[in-house]
Structures are given as structure tokens and as C-alpha cells.
């Protein structure tokens, strides 16, 4: 099961995506969730690069 946890409050937003589909759909749902999440991160990174005086993005690989 894919679990998505979002925390909102005090001017902060946190999103955590964990798990795997493990279903008969051949990984389509897992791929969709991954694509949407990665697209959001890349978009935020691009905004930070365009407006470095207004936005800072730190994305790390663990």
C-alpha cells in the first residue's frame, strides 16, 4: 500500500510518500504517484532557481 502523509500548519507543508502498490495493476498506481510527486519537486526546484532571492529548495537523495 502507498501511504501519503501531508502535514499543514504554521506556514509549513510537509509531504511524505512511502510504500509500494503491490497489486495486480502492474505498478501503474505506484508509477502515477511517483510521477506526480517527482513533478511537484522538480517544479518547486525550478521556481527556486528562477527566484533564488524568494525561494530556497533543498532536495536530498538518501
C-alpha atoms as a PDB file:
ATOM      1  CA  UNK A   1       0.000   0.000   0.000  1.00  0.00           C
ATOM      2  CA  UNK A   2       1.153   3.510  -0.791  1.00  0.00           C
ATOM      3  CA  UNK A   3       0.834   5.901   2.129  1.00  0.00           C
ATOM      4  CA  UNK A   4       0.775   9.671   1.698  1.00  0.00           C
ATOM      5  CA  UNK A   5       1.055  11.847   4.777  1.00  0.00           C
ATOM      6  CA  UNK A   6       0.623  15.602   4.492  1.00  0.00           C
ATOM      7  CA  UNK A   7       1.074  17.975   7.397  1.00  0.00           C
ATOM      8  CA  UNK A   8      -0.147  21.547   7.132  1.00  0.00           C
ATOM      9  CA  UNK A   9       0.142  24.360   9.640  1.00  0.00           C
ATOM     10  CA  UNK A  10       2.064  27.387  10.852  1.00  0.00           C
ATOM     11  CA  UNK A  11       3.040  28.342   7.305  1.00  0.00           C
ATOM     12  CA  UNK A  12       4.622  24.921   6.691  1.00  0.00           C
ATOM     13  CA  UNK A  13       3.703  21.994   4.481  1.00  0.00           C
ATOM     14  CA  UNK A  14       5.261  18.561   4.719  1.00  0.00           C
ATOM     15  CA  UNK A  15       4.513  15.624   2.412  1.00  0.00           C
ATOM     16  CA  UNK A  16       5.795  12.083   2.889  1.00  0.00           C
ATOM     17  CA  UNK A  17       5.126   9.284   0.390  1.00  0.00           C
ATOM     18  CA  UNK A  18       6.050   5.720   1.363  1.00  0.00           C
ATOM     19  CA  UNK A  19       5.227   2.179   0.354  1.00  0.00           C
ATOM     20  CA  UNK A  20       4.512   0.351  -2.865  1.00  0.00           C
ATOM     21  CA  UNK A  21       1.396  -0.683  -4.726  1.00  0.00           C
ATOM     22  CA  UNK A  22       1.999  -4.471  -4.816  1.00  0.00           C
ATOM     23  CA  UNK A  23      -1.210  -5.017  -6.755  1.00  0.00           C
ATOM     24  CA  UNK A  24      -2.304  -6.679  -9.964  1.00  0.00           C
ATOM     25  CA  UNK A  25      -2.327  -3.361 -11.818  1.00  0.00           C
ATOM     26  CA  UNK A  26       1.309  -3.856 -12.825  1.00  0.00           C
ATOM     27  CA  UNK A  27       2.605  -0.914 -10.834  1.00  0.00           C
ATOM     28  CA  UNK A  28       0.541   1.726 -12.664  1.00  0.00           C
ATOM     29  CA  UNK A  29      -0.738   3.349  -9.478  1.00  0.00           C
ATOM     30  CA  UNK A  30       2.736   3.376  -7.948  1.00  0.00           C
ATOM     31  CA  UNK A  31       4.172   4.899 -11.116  1.00  0.00           C
ATOM     32  CA  UNK A  32       1.456   7.565 -11.176  1.00  0.00           C
ATOM     33  CA  UNK A  33       2.056   8.571  -7.551  1.00  0.00           C
ATOM     34  CA  UNK A  34       5.829   8.681  -8.154  1.00  0.00           C
ATOM     35  CA  UNK A  35       5.430  10.767 -11.318  1.00  0.00           C
ATOM     36  CA  UNK A  36       3.152  13.304  -9.636  1.00  0.00           C
ATOM     37  CA  UNK A  37       5.439  13.590  -6.599  1.00  0.00           C
ATOM     38  CA  UNK A  38       8.605  13.974  -8.672  1.00  0.00           C
ATOM     39  CA  UNK A  39       6.934  16.508 -10.984  1.00  0.00           C
ATOM     40  CA  UNK A  40       5.960  18.626  -7.979  1.00  0.00           C
ATOM     41  CA  UNK A  41       9.523  18.507  -6.618  1.00  0.00           C
ATOM     42  CA  UNK A  42      11.066  19.403  -9.966  1.00  0.00           C
ATOM     43  CA  UNK A  43       8.609  22.278 -10.376  1.00  0.00           C
ATOM     44  CA  UNK A  44       9.457  23.655  -6.948  1.00  0.00           C
ATOM     45  CA  UNK A  45      13.165  23.319  -7.687  1.00  0.00           C
ATOM     46  CA  UNK A  46      12.734  25.248 -10.963  1.00  0.00           C
ATOM     47  CA  UNK A  47      10.849  28.052  -9.175  1.00  0.00           C
ATOM     48  CA  UNK A  48      13.654  28.227  -6.598  1.00  0.00           C
ATOM     49  CA  UNK A  49      16.236  28.507  -9.383  1.00  0.00           C
ATOM     50  CA  UNK A  50      14.262  31.278 -11.105  1.00  0.00           C
ATOM     51  CA  UNK A  51      13.683  33.261  -7.910  1.00  0.00           C
ATOM     52  CA  UNK A  52      16.621  32.487  -5.604  1.00  0.00           C
ATOM     53  CA  UNK A  53      16.012  35.631  -3.550  1.00  0.00           C
ATOM     54  CA  UNK A  54      12.445  34.495  -2.787  1.00  0.00           C
ATOM     55  CA  UNK A  55      12.500  30.677  -2.734  1.00  0.00           C
ATOM     56  CA  UNK A  56      15.018  28.139  -1.468  1.00  0.00           C
ATOM     57  CA  UNK A  57      14.640  24.433  -2.265  1.00  0.00           C
ATOM     58  CA  UNK A  58      16.746  21.672  -0.745  1.00  0.00           C
ATOM     59  CA  UNK A  59      16.127  18.222  -2.163  1.00  0.00           C
ATOM     60  CA  UNK A  60      18.430  15.464  -0.917  1.00  0.00           C
ATOM     61  CA  UNK A  61      18.892  11.866  -2.011  1.00  0.00           C
ATOM     62  CA  UNK A  62      19.123   9.395   0.868  1.00  0.00           C
END
